[in-house]
C-alpha atoms as a PDB file:
ATOM      1  CA  MET A   1     -72.621   7.510  39.090  1.00  0.00           C
ATOM      2  CA  THR A   2     -70.981   4.849  41.332  1.00  0.00           C
ATOM      3  CA  ASP A   3     -71.562   1.244  40.546  1.00  0.00           C
ATOM      4  CA  PRO A   4     -73.229  -0.664  43.290  1.00  0.00           C
ATOM      5  CA  VAL A   5     -71.234  -3.007  45.391  1.00  0.00           C
ATOM      6  CA  LEU A   6     -72.193  -6.608  45.646  1.00  0.00           C
ATOM      7  CA  TYR A   7     -70.870  -8.473  48.654  1.00  0.00           C
ATOM      8  CA  ILE A   8     -70.751 -12.277  48.102  1.00  0.00           C
ATOM      9  CA  GLY A   9     -69.270 -15.364  49.665  1.00  0.00           C
ATOM     10  CA  ASN A  10     -67.386 -18.267  48.351  1.00  0.00           C
ATOM     11  CA  LYS A  11     -68.170 -18.926  44.703  1.00  0.00           C
ATOM     12  CA  ASN A  12     -67.836 -22.589  45.039  1.00  0.00           C
ATOM     13  CA  TYR A  13     -70.631 -22.847  47.741  1.00  0.00           C
ATOM     14  CA  SER A  14     -72.612 -19.728  48.213  1.00  0.00           C
ATOM     15  CA  SER A  15     -75.884 -20.309  46.310  1.00  0.00           C
ATOM     16  CA  TRP A  16     -77.451 -17.165  47.551  1.00  0.00           C
ATOM     17  CA  SER A  17     -74.582 -15.117  46.327  1.00  0.00           C
ATOM     18  CA  PHE A  18     -74.735 -16.836  42.906  1.00  0.00           C
ATOM     19  CA  ARG A  19     -78.359 -15.649  42.318  1.00  0.00           C
ATOM     20  CA  PRO A  20     -77.927 -11.966  42.250  1.00  0.00           C
ATOM     21  CA  TRP A  21     -74.322 -12.280  40.786  1.00  0.00           C
ATOM     22  CA  ILE A  22     -75.450 -14.297  37.672  1.00  0.00           C
ATOM     23  CA  GLY A  23     -78.666 -12.206  37.345  1.00  0.00           C
ATOM     24  CA  MET A  24     -76.704  -8.840  37.188  1.00  0.00           C
ATOM     25  CA  ARG A  25     -73.815 -10.159  35.027  1.00  0.00           C
ATOM     26  CA  THR A  26     -76.051 -11.818  32.529  1.00  0.00           C
ATOM     27  CA  ALA A  27     -78.077  -8.638  32.409  1.00  0.00           C
ATOM     28  CA  GLY A  28     -75.174  -6.392  31.844  1.00  0.00           C
ATOM     29  CA  ILE A  29     -75.629  -4.534  35.010  1.00  0.00           C
ATOM     30  CA  ALA A  30     -72.248  -3.042  36.056  1.00  0.00           C
ATOM     31  CA  PHE A  31     -71.251  -3.618  39.778  1.00  0.00           C
ATOM     32  CA  THR A  32     -68.244  -4.002  42.005  1.00  0.00           C
ATOM     33  CA  GLU A  33     -67.694  -7.439  43.486  1.00  0.00           C
ATOM     34  CA  LYS A  34     -66.395  -7.835  46.917  1.00  0.00           C
ATOM     35  CA  LEU A  35     -65.891 -11.526  47.881  1.00  0.00           C
ATOM     36  CA  VAL A  36     -65.653 -12.156  51.743  1.00  0.00           C
ATOM     37  CA  PRO A  37     -65.249 -15.986  52.229  1.00  0.00           C
ATOM     38  CA  PHE A  38     -66.807 -18.121  54.764  1.00  0.00           C
ATOM     39  CA  ASP A  39     -64.130 -20.559  55.772  1.00  0.00           C
ATOM     40  CA  MET A  40     -65.395 -21.383  59.105  1.00  0.00           C
ATOM     41  CA  ALA A  41     -68.613 -23.239  60.380  1.00  0.00           C
ATOM     42  CA  ALA A  42     -70.370 -20.085  61.575  1.00  0.00           C
ATOM     43  CA  GLY A  43     -69.680 -18.048  58.466  1.00  0.00           C
ATOM     44  CA  ASN A  44     -67.359 -15.141  58.901  1.00  0.00           C
ATOM     45  CA  PRO A  45     -67.679 -12.398  61.664  1.00  0.00           C
ATOM     46  CA  ALA A  46     -66.543  -9.817  58.976  1.00  0.00           C
ATOM     47  CA  PHE A  47     -69.942 -10.098  57.377  1.00  0.00           C
ATOM     48  CA  LYS A  48     -71.370  -8.013  60.267  1.00  0.00           C
ATOM     49  CA  THR A  49     -69.266  -4.962  58.901  1.00  0.00           C
ATOM     50  CA  PHE A  50     -71.610  -4.715  55.772  1.00  0.00           C
ATOM     51  CA  SER A  51     -74.513  -7.001  56.394  1.00  0.00           C
ATOM     52  CA  PRO A  52     -77.369  -6.272  58.709  1.00  0.00           C
ATOM     53  CA  THR A  53     -78.135  -9.997  58.847  1.00  0.00           C
ATOM     54  CA  GLY A  54     -74.446 -11.179  59.168  1.00  0.00           C
ATOM     55  CA  LYS A  55     -74.975 -13.112  55.898  1.00  0.00           C
ATOM     56  CA  VAL A  56     -74.265 -12.743  52.162  1.00  0.00           C
ATOM     57  CA  PRO A  57     -75.162 -11.507  49.669  1.00  0.00           C
ATOM     58  CA  VAL A  58     -75.590  -7.847  50.349  1.00  0.00           C
ATOM     59  CA  LEU A  59     -75.926  -5.013  47.759  1.00  0.00           C
ATOM     60  CA  VAL A  60     -74.853  -1.493  48.650  1.00  0.00           C
ATOM     61  CA  ASP A  61     -76.196   1.007  46.121  1.00  0.00           C
ATOM     62  CA  GLY A  62     -75.237   4.439  47.292  1.00  0.00           C
ATOM     63  CA  ASP A  63     -77.192   5.000  50.560  1.00  0.00           C
ATOM     64  CA  VAL A  64     -79.380   1.915  50.087  1.00  0.00           C
ATOM     65  CA  THR A  65     -78.340  -1.370  51.500  1.00  0.00           C
ATOM     66  CA  VAL A  66     -80.186  -4.431  50.235  1.00  0.00           C
ATOM     67  CA  TRP A  67     -80.042  -7.874  51.710  1.00  0.00           C
ATOM     68  CA  GLU A  68     -81.567 -11.164  50.449  1.00  0.00           C
ATOM     69  CA  SER A  69     -81.062 -12.428  46.979  1.00  0.00           C
ATOM     70  CA  LEU A  70     -84.562 -11.766  45.573  1.00  0.00           C
ATOM     71  CA  ALA A  71     -84.665  -8.345  46.916  1.00  0.00           C
ATOM     72  CA  ILE A  72     -81.392  -7.544  45.400  1.00  0.00           C
ATOM     73  CA  LEU A  73     -82.422  -8.707  41.936  1.00  0.00           C
ATOM     74  CA  ASP A  74     -85.755  -6.905  42.222  1.00  0.00           C
ATOM     75  CA  HIS A  75     -84.076  -3.726  43.197  1.00  0.00           C
ATOM     76  CA  VAL A  76     -81.803  -3.811  40.248  1.00  0.00           C
ATOM     77  CA  ALA A  77     -84.487  -4.824  37.851  1.00  0.00           C
ATOM     78  CA  ARG A  78     -86.617  -1.743  38.807  1.00  0.00           C
ATOM     79  CA  LYS A  79     -83.527   0.510  38.652  1.00  0.00           C
ATOM     80  CA  TYR A  80     -82.453  -0.722  35.367  1.00  0.00           C
ATOM     81  CA  PRO A  81     -85.794  -1.589  33.645  1.00  0.00           C
ATOM     82  CA  ALA A  82     -84.038  -2.084  30.232  1.00  0.00           C
ATOM     83  CA  SER A  83     -82.184  -5.065  31.747  1.00  0.00           C
ATOM     84  CA  GLY A  84     -85.191  -7.295  31.171  1.00  0.00           C
ATOM     85  CA  LEU A  85     -84.640  -9.003  34.413  1.00  0.00           C
ATOM     86  CA  TRP A  86     -88.395  -9.331  34.851  1.00  0.00           C
ATOM     87  CA  PRO A  87     -90.434 -10.535  31.992  1.00  0.00           C
ATOM     88  CA  GLU A  88     -92.167  -7.814  29.985  1.00  0.00           C
ATOM     89  CA  ASN A  89     -95.617  -9.559  29.980  1.00  0.00           C
ATOM     90  CA  ALA A  90     -97.513  -8.919  33.068  1.00  0.00           C
ATOM     91  CA  THR A  91     -98.680 -12.422  33.690  1.00  0.00           C
ATOM     92  CA  ASP A  92     -95.236 -13.753  33.166  1.00  0.00           C
ATOM     93  CA  ARG A  93     -93.811 -11.210  35.745  1.00  0.00           C
ATOM     94  CA  THR A  94     -96.405 -12.609  38.178  1.00  0.00           C
ATOM     95  CA  MET A  95     -95.457 -16.140  37.490  1.00  0.00           C
ATOM     96  CA  ALA A  96     -91.743 -15.418  37.697  1.00  0.00           C
ATOM     97  CA  MET A  97     -92.205 -13.626  41.078  1.00  0.00           C
ATOM     98  CA  ALA A  98     -94.276 -16.757  42.252  1.00  0.00           C
ATOM     99  CA  MET A  99     -91.598 -19.076  41.117  1.00  0.00           C
ATOM    100  CA  SER A 100     -88.641 -17.022  42.714  1.00  0.00           C
ATOM    101  CA  SER A 101     -90.620 -16.780  45.964  1.00  0.00           C
ATOM    102  CA  GLU A 102     -91.146 -20.500  45.951  1.00  0.00           C
ATOM    103  CA  MET A 103     -87.328 -20.910  45.536  1.00  0.00           C
ATOM    104  CA  VAL A 104     -86.796 -18.754  48.635  1.00  0.00           C
ATOM    105  CA  SER A 105     -89.323 -20.550  50.886  1.00  0.00           C
ATOM    106  CA  SER A 106     -89.281 -24.194  49.558  1.00  0.00           C
ATOM    107  CA  PHE A 107     -87.263 -27.302  48.775  1.00  0.00           C
ATOM    108  CA  PRO A 108     -85.622 -27.738  52.163  1.00  0.00           C
ATOM    109  CA  ALA A 109     -84.773 -31.390  51.736  1.00  0.00           C
ATOM    110  CA  LEU A 110     -82.796 -30.758  48.422  1.00  0.00           C
ATOM    111  CA  ARG A 111     -81.087 -27.814  49.696  1.00  0.00           C
ATOM    112  CA  SER A 112     -80.076 -29.298  53.003  1.00  0.00           C
ATOM    113  CA  ALA A 113     -78.895 -32.662  51.608  1.00  0.00           C
ATOM    114  CA  CYS A 114     -77.249 -31.225  48.429  1.00  0.00           C
ATOM    115  CA  PRO A 115     -75.352 -27.901  48.934  1.00  0.00           C
ATOM    116  CA  MET A 116     -74.143 -25.980  45.834  1.00  0.00           C
ATOM    117  CA  ASN A 117     -70.730 -27.203  45.089  1.00  0.00           C
ATOM    118  CA  MET A 118     -69.054 -25.974  41.723  1.00  0.00           C
ATOM    119  CA  ARG A 119     -66.135 -28.483  41.917  1.00  0.00           C
ATOM    120  CA  ARG A 120     -67.930 -31.517  43.165  1.00  0.00           C
ATOM    121  CA  GLU A 121     -67.201 -34.802  41.221  1.00  0.00           C
ATOM    122  CA  ARG A 122     -70.455 -35.640  39.609  1.00  0.00           C
ATOM    123  CA  LYS A 123     -72.026 -38.565  41.561  1.00  0.00           C
ATOM    124  CA  PRO A 124     -75.303 -39.434  43.199  1.00  0.00           C
ATOM    125  CA  ILE A 125     -76.088 -39.453  46.837  1.00  0.00           C
ATOM    126  CA  GLU A 126     -78.545 -41.640  48.843  1.00  0.00           C
ATOM    127  CA  THR A 127     -81.941 -39.931  48.375  1.00  0.00           C
ATOM    128  CA  THR A 128     -84.975 -39.723  50.407  1.00  0.00           C
ATOM    129  CA  PRO A 129     -88.810 -39.248  49.296  1.00  0.00           C
ATOM    130  CA  ALA A 130     -88.503 -35.634  50.547  1.00  0.00           C
ATOM    131  CA  ILE A 131     -85.475 -34.978  48.252  1.00  0.00           C
ATOM    132  CA  LEU A 132     -87.227 -36.553  45.240  1.00  0.00           C
ATOM    133  CA  ALA A 133     -90.308 -34.633  45.848  1.00  0.00           C
ATOM    134  CA  ASP A 134     -88.384 -31.447  45.747  1.00  0.00           C
ATOM    135  CA  VAL A 135     -86.845 -32.444  42.430  1.00  0.00           C
ATOM    136  CA  ASP A 136     -90.010 -33.648  40.992  1.00  0.00           C
ATOM    137  CA  ARG A 137     -91.649 -30.131  41.810  1.00  0.00           C
ATOM    138  CA  ILE A 138     -88.711 -28.200  40.444  1.00  0.00           C
ATOM    139  CA  GLN A 139     -88.661 -30.344  37.251  1.00  0.00           C
ATOM    140  CA  ALA A 140     -92.471 -29.672  36.805  1.00  0.00           C
ATOM    141  CA  LEU A 141     -92.016 -26.117  37.307  1.00  0.00           C
ATOM    142  CA  TRP A 142     -89.182 -25.769  34.672  1.00  0.00           C
ATOM    143  CA  SER A 143     -91.133 -28.132  32.229  1.00  0.00           C
ATOM    144  CA  ASP A 144     -94.297 -26.245  32.286  1.00  0.00           C
ATOM    145  CA  CYS A 145     -92.419 -22.812  31.843  1.00  0.00           C
ATOM    146  CA  LEU A 146     -90.306 -24.110  29.092  1.00  0.00           C
ATOM    147  CA  GLU A 147     -93.383 -25.649  27.190  1.00  0.00           C
ATOM    148  CA  THR A 148     -95.328 -22.349  27.637  1.00  0.00           C
ATOM    149  CA  SER A 149     -92.542 -19.968  26.690  1.00  0.00           C
ATOM    150  CA  GLY A 150     -90.764 -22.021  24.142  1.00  0.00           C
ATOM    151  CA  GLY A 151     -87.453 -21.284  25.858  1.00  0.00           C
ATOM    152  CA  PRO A 152     -84.574 -21.120  25.704  1.00  0.00           C
ATOM    153  CA  PHE A 153     -84.991 -19.840  29.281  1.00  0.00           C
ATOM    154  CA  LEU A 154     -87.954 -20.200  31.797  1.00  0.00           C
ATOM    155  CA  PHE A 155     -89.822 -17.274  30.509  1.00  0.00           C
ATOM    156  CA  GLY A 156     -88.204 -17.015  27.014  1.00  0.00           C
ATOM    157  CA  ALA A 157     -85.362 -14.480  27.673  1.00  0.00           C
ATOM    158  CA  PHE A 158     -83.125 -14.892  30.769  1.00  0.00           C
ATOM    159  CA  SER A 159     -84.910 -13.551  33.748  1.00  0.00           C
ATOM    160  CA  ILE A 160     -84.732 -13.262  37.620  1.00  0.00           C
ATOM    161  CA  ALA A 161     -86.420 -16.725  37.816  1.00  0.00           C
ATOM    162  CA  ASP A 162     -83.536 -18.277  35.973  1.00  0.00           C
ATOM    163  CA  ALA A 163     -81.042 -16.470  38.362  1.00  0.00           C
ATOM    164  CA  MET A 164     -83.046 -17.734  41.349  1.00  0.00           C
ATOM    165  CA  TYR A 165     -82.947 -21.354  40.113  1.00  0.00           C
ATOM    166  CA  ALA A 166     -79.265 -21.292  38.963  1.00  0.00           C
ATOM    167  CA  PRO A 167     -77.919 -23.017  42.047  1.00  0.00           C
ATOM    168  CA  VAL A 168     -80.549 -25.820  41.661  1.00  0.00           C
ATOM    169  CA  VAL A 169     -79.039 -26.331  38.042  1.00  0.00           C
ATOM    170  CA  ASN A 170     -75.794 -27.160  39.757  1.00  0.00           C
ATOM    171  CA  ARG A 171     -77.503 -29.423  42.260  1.00  0.00           C
ATOM    172  CA  LEU A 172     -79.263 -31.561  39.785  1.00  0.00           C
ATOM    173  CA  ASP A 173     -76.163 -31.782  37.757  1.00  0.00           C
ATOM    174  CA  VAL A 174     -73.415 -32.661  40.387  1.00  0.00           C
ATOM    175  CA  TYR A 175     -75.609 -34.919  42.512  1.00  0.00           C
ATOM    176  CA  ALA A 176     -76.562 -36.694  39.213  1.00  0.00           C
ATOM    177  CA  PHE A 177     -80.388 -36.681  39.483  1.00  0.00           C
ATOM    178  CA  GLU A 178     -82.215 -38.120  36.592  1.00  0.00           C
ATOM    179  CA  THR A 179     -83.773 -35.297  34.530  1.00  0.00           C
ATOM    180  CA  ARG A 180     -86.438 -34.813  31.925  1.00  0.00           C
ATOM    181  CA  PRO A 181     -85.160 -34.165  28.366  1.00  0.00           C
ATOM    182  CA  ALA A 182     -86.483 -30.597  28.544  1.00  0.00           C
ATOM    183  CA  VAL A 183     -84.933 -29.962  31.883  1.00  0.00           C
ATOM    184  CA  ALA A 184     -81.571 -31.389  30.713  1.00  0.00           C
ATOM    185  CA  GLY A 185     -81.502 -29.003  27.760  1.00  0.00           C
ATOM    186  CA  TYR A 186     -82.340 -26.034  29.986  1.00  0.00           C
ATOM    187  CA  MET A 187     -79.693 -26.943  32.392  1.00  0.00           C
ATOM    188  CA  ALA A 188     -76.992 -27.209  29.478  1.00  0.00           C
ATOM    189  CA  ARG A 189     -78.137 -23.755  28.257  1.00  0.00           C
ATOM    190  CA  MET A 190     -77.820 -22.290  31.680  1.00  0.00           C
ATOM    191  CA  LYS A 191     -74.332 -23.806  32.188  1.00  0.00           C
ATOM    192  CA  ASP A 192     -73.273 -22.429  28.827  1.00  0.00           C
ATOM    193  CA  LEU A 193     -73.974 -18.802  29.850  1.00  0.00           C
ATOM    194  CA  PRO A 194     -70.669 -16.793  30.077  1.00  0.00           C
ATOM    195  CA  ALA A 195     -71.499 -15.658  33.448  1.00  0.00           C
ATOM    196  CA  TRP A 196     -72.089 -19.250  34.511  1.00  0.00           C
ATOM    197  CA  ARG A 197     -68.659 -20.256  33.145  1.00  0.00           C
ATOM    198  CA  GLU A 198     -66.911 -17.204  34.794  1.00  0.00           C
ATOM    199  CA  TRP A 199     -68.409 -17.957  38.199  1.00  0.00           C
ATOM    200  CA  GLU A 200     -67.654 -21.864  38.017  1.00  0.00           C
ATOM    201  CA  THR A 201     -64.006 -21.247  36.938  1.00  0.00           C
ATOM    202  CA  ALA A 202     -63.531 -18.947  39.913  1.00  0.00           C
ATOM    203  CA  GLY A 203     -65.072 -21.334  42.183  1.00  0.00           C
ATOM    204  CA  ARG A 204     -63.295 -24.367  41.199  1.00  0.00           C
ATOM    205  CA  ALA A 205     -60.007 -22.259  41.719  1.00  0.00           C
ATOM    206  CA  GLU A 206     -60.854 -21.249  45.259  1.00  0.00           C
ATOM    207  CA  PRO A 207     -58.632 -22.681  48.178  1.00  0.00           C
ATOM    208  CA  TRP A 208     -61.348 -22.749  50.814  1.00  0.00           C
ATOM    209  CA  ILE A 209     -62.830 -26.038  51.903  1.00  0.00           C
ATOM    210  CA  VAL A 210     -66.116 -25.933  54.007  1.00  0.00           C
ATOM    211  CA  GLU A 211     -66.541 -29.494  55.370  1.00  0.00           C
ATOM    212  CA  GLU A 212     -70.277 -29.219  55.938  1.00  0.00           C
ATOM    213  CA  ASP A 213     -70.930 -28.257  52.431  1.00  0.00           C
ATOM    214  CA  GLU A 214     -69.068 -31.196  51.188  1.00  0.00           C
ATOM    215  CA  ALA A 215     -71.932 -33.684  50.917  1.00  0.00           C
END
């Protein structure tokens, strides 16, 4: 059986690529990585050769093409149920899906003002009430999950929910937001994952600079 192919963008900046990549890598799901950089304001016209939306990430699994990060993660979780990417407990699975869907649809102020950037010098930016409201909501979600599950990750073992919020860990870190103790501990554990360290090392070594993502 041929491994699925995961098309991604720049590891320094591409938060949506990071989500399925760290999920699949941490779960031990084999895949072939194909990085197509976006080093221009409009992305990269080459994305159209493999992506129905002209965006990354995209998973090509045999004759199935899956776009959108959460859909990719759900696809591989169902194909490889032993990976544990969705929590075993039915209620936890529902909550993990709700949290993951909220990540897709919410937090526009934080995502707009604070692009993911693996090599950014850690320093704060000028905040707004909308940014701080996004950060407060995220910290409340994480804190509640960690208290309920006991950690070390949001639903105990690493899951799709952790993968979906991985770029936010980078954002809260490099933009130097004040975090609750439980949140700070969770962020440290995420950053200590071998898959995180592998991605970050590669991202820091990339030559491409995308000015609009250098907040």
